[in-house]
Amino acid sequence: MKDISLYMQFGLGFIGWIYIVSKAGEWLTKATFKQWAKRRKESRQQKAVNELYEAYELDKIDSKSTVRLTTKGNLVIMMYRTGDKA
């Protein structure tokens, strides 16, 4: 009788341990994925800025000129250089 009780306690303890480890793994995976997604989003934004820079040759504008871009939805983006080019 004591053997069955011992096996049951061990089995329930093991099941509990597996549950705790799986929840910790789930939390770690979610936290890692959220950080990766945040970094990916930042890099997407930086890629868009780099493409804009290359497409309109923004490195060639001087302090006296401006670049105006109008999008489909009547959004106007105006860019100009402040001071000397570094």
C-alpha atoms as a PDB file:
ATOM      1  CA  MET A   1       0.000   0.000   0.000  1.00  0.00           C
ATOM      2  CA  LYS A   2       2.850   2.374   0.791  1.00  0.00           C
ATOM      3  CA  ASP A   3       4.392   1.678  -2.599  1.00  0.00           C
ATOM      4  CA  ILE A   4       1.274   2.834  -4.456  1.00  0.00           C
ATOM      5  CA  SER A   5       1.106   5.987  -2.331  1.00  0.00           C
ATOM      6  CA  LEU A   6       4.780   6.683  -3.011  1.00  0.00           C
ATOM      7  CA  TYR A   7       4.355   6.196  -6.768  1.00  0.00           C
ATOM      8  CA  MET A   8       1.280   8.436  -6.791  1.00  0.00           C
ATOM      9  CA  GLN A   9       3.124  11.204  -4.931  1.00  0.00           C
ATOM     10  CA  PHE A  10       6.081  10.897  -7.258  1.00  0.00           C
ATOM     11  CA  GLY A  11       3.819  10.901 -10.336  1.00  0.00           C
ATOM     12  CA  LEU A  12       1.858  13.962  -9.209  1.00  0.00           C
ATOM     13  CA  GLY A  13       5.059  15.778  -8.303  1.00  0.00           C
ATOM     14  CA  PHE A  14       6.539  14.973 -11.702  1.00  0.00           C
ATOM     15  CA  ILE A  15       3.402  16.147 -13.503  1.00  0.00           C
ATOM     16  CA  GLY A  16       3.518  19.388 -11.503  1.00  0.00           C
ATOM     17  CA  TRP A  17       7.189  19.859 -12.317  1.00  0.00           C
ATOM     18  CA  ILE A  18       6.528  19.302 -16.032  1.00  0.00           C
ATOM     19  CA  TYR A  19       3.695  21.872 -15.896  1.00  0.00           C
ATOM     20  CA  ILE A  20       5.905  24.482 -14.215  1.00  0.00           C
ATOM     21  CA  VAL A  21       8.770  23.928 -16.668  1.00  0.00           C
ATOM     22  CA  SER A  22       6.449  24.129 -19.676  1.00  0.00           C
ATOM     23  CA  LYS A  23       4.890  27.400 -18.448  1.00  0.00           C
ATOM     24  CA  ALA A  24       8.364  28.858 -17.822  1.00  0.00           C
ATOM     25  CA  GLY A  25       9.395  27.836 -21.343  1.00  0.00           C
ATOM     26  CA  GLU A  26       6.242  29.396 -22.754  1.00  0.00           C
ATOM     27  CA  TRP A  27       6.965  32.663 -20.927  1.00  0.00           C
ATOM     28  CA  LEU A  28      10.581  32.696 -22.105  1.00  0.00           C
ATOM     29  CA  THR A  29       9.544  32.041 -25.703  1.00  0.00           C
ATOM     30  CA  LYS A  30       6.960  34.841 -25.637  1.00  0.00           C
ATOM     31  CA  ALA A  31       9.403  37.311 -24.118  1.00  0.00           C
ATOM     32  CA  THR A  32      12.068  36.432 -26.680  1.00  0.00           C
ATOM     33  CA  PHE A  33       9.628  36.695 -29.584  1.00  0.00           C
ATOM     34  CA  LYS A  34       8.352  40.088 -28.418  1.00  0.00           C
ATOM     35  CA  GLN A  35      11.902  41.462 -28.278  1.00  0.00           C
ATOM     36  CA  TRP A  36      12.682  40.028 -31.703  1.00  0.00           C
ATOM     37  CA  ALA A  37       9.527  41.532 -33.185  1.00  0.00           C
ATOM     38  CA  LYS A  38      10.366  44.925 -31.679  1.00  0.00           C
ATOM     39  CA  ARG A  39      13.882  44.821 -33.149  1.00  0.00           C
ATOM     40  CA  ARG A  40      12.505  43.699 -36.501  1.00  0.00           C
ATOM     41  CA  LYS A  41      10.082  46.610 -36.540  1.00  0.00           C
ATOM     42  CA  GLU A  42      12.877  49.069 -35.797  1.00  0.00           C
ATOM     43  CA  SER A  43      15.015  47.628 -38.549  1.00  0.00           C
ATOM     44  CA  ARG A  44      12.064  47.838 -40.984  1.00  0.00           C
ATOM     45  CA  GLN A  45      11.707  51.518 -40.212  1.00  0.00           C
ATOM     46  CA  GLN A  46      15.428  52.082 -40.671  1.00  0.00           C
ATOM     47  CA  LYS A  47      15.314  50.235 -43.989  1.00  0.00           C
ATOM     48  CA  ALA A  48      12.506  52.511 -45.167  1.00  0.00           C
ATOM     49  CA  VAL A  49      14.503  55.621 -44.233  1.00  0.00           C
ATOM     50  CA  ASN A  50      17.550  54.246 -46.040  1.00  0.00           C
ATOM     51  CA  GLU A  51      15.485  53.551 -49.169  1.00  0.00           C
ATOM     52  CA  LEU A  52      14.063  57.073 -49.073  1.00  0.00           C
ATOM     53  CA  TYR A  53      17.571  58.463 -48.680  1.00  0.00           C
ATOM     54  CA  GLU A  54      18.819  56.533 -51.708  1.00  0.00           C
ATOM     55  CA  ALA A  55      15.764  57.030 -53.911  1.00  0.00           C
ATOM     56  CA  TYR A  56      15.765  60.820 -53.641  1.00  0.00           C
ATOM     57  CA  GLU A  57      19.553  61.214 -53.299  1.00  0.00           C
ATOM     58  CA  LEU A  58      19.180  63.121 -50.054  1.00  0.00           C
ATOM     59  CA  ASP A  59      22.929  63.123 -49.525  1.00  0.00           C
ATOM     60  CA  LYS A  60      23.224  65.614 -52.416  1.00  0.00           C
ATOM     61  CA  ILE A  61      20.936  68.321 -51.069  1.00  0.00           C
ATOM     62  CA  ASP A  62      22.656  71.334 -49.569  1.00  0.00           C
ATOM     63  CA  SER A  63      21.530  73.719 -46.842  1.00  0.00           C
ATOM     64  CA  LYS A  64      19.715  75.998 -49.325  1.00  0.00           C
ATOM     65  CA  SER A  65      17.513  73.423 -51.026  1.00  0.00           C
ATOM     66  CA  THR A  66      14.488  71.427 -49.906  1.00  0.00           C
ATOM     67  CA  VAL A  67      12.887  68.220 -51.094  1.00  0.00           C
ATOM     68  CA  ARG A  68       9.097  67.917 -51.061  1.00  0.00           C
ATOM     69  CA  LEU A  69       7.340  64.611 -51.522  1.00  0.00           C
ATOM     70  CA  THR A  70       3.578  64.282 -51.922  1.00  0.00           C
ATOM     71  CA  THR A  71       1.988  60.887 -51.301  1.00  0.00           C
ATOM     72  CA  LYS A  72      -1.270  59.427 -52.556  1.00  0.00           C
ATOM     73  CA  GLY A  73      -3.233  60.595 -49.553  1.00  0.00           C
ATOM     74  CA  ASN A  74      -2.091  64.238 -49.945  1.00  0.00           C
ATOM     75  CA  LEU A  75       0.540  63.857 -47.246  1.00  0.00           C
ATOM     76  CA  VAL A  76       3.452  66.220 -47.893  1.00  0.00           C
ATOM     77  CA  ILE A  77       6.894  65.347 -46.596  1.00  0.00           C
ATOM     78  CA  MET A  78       9.378  68.220 -46.698  1.00  0.00           C
ATOM     79  CA  MET A  79      13.051  67.637 -45.967  1.00  0.00           C
ATOM     80  CA  TYR A  80      15.889  70.104 -45.712  1.00  0.00           C
ATOM     81  CA  ARG A  81      19.403  70.080 -44.330  1.00  0.00           C
ATOM     82  CA  THR A  82      20.232  72.216 -41.307  1.00  0.00           C
ATOM     83  CA  GLY A  83      23.707  73.709 -41.343  1.00  0.00           C
ATOM     84  CA  ASP A  84      26.673  72.214 -43.175  1.00  0.00           C
ATOM     85  CA  LYS A  85      26.824  68.685 -44.460  1.00  0.00           C
ATOM     86  CA  ALA A  86      28.937  66.539 -42.126  1.00  0.00           C
END
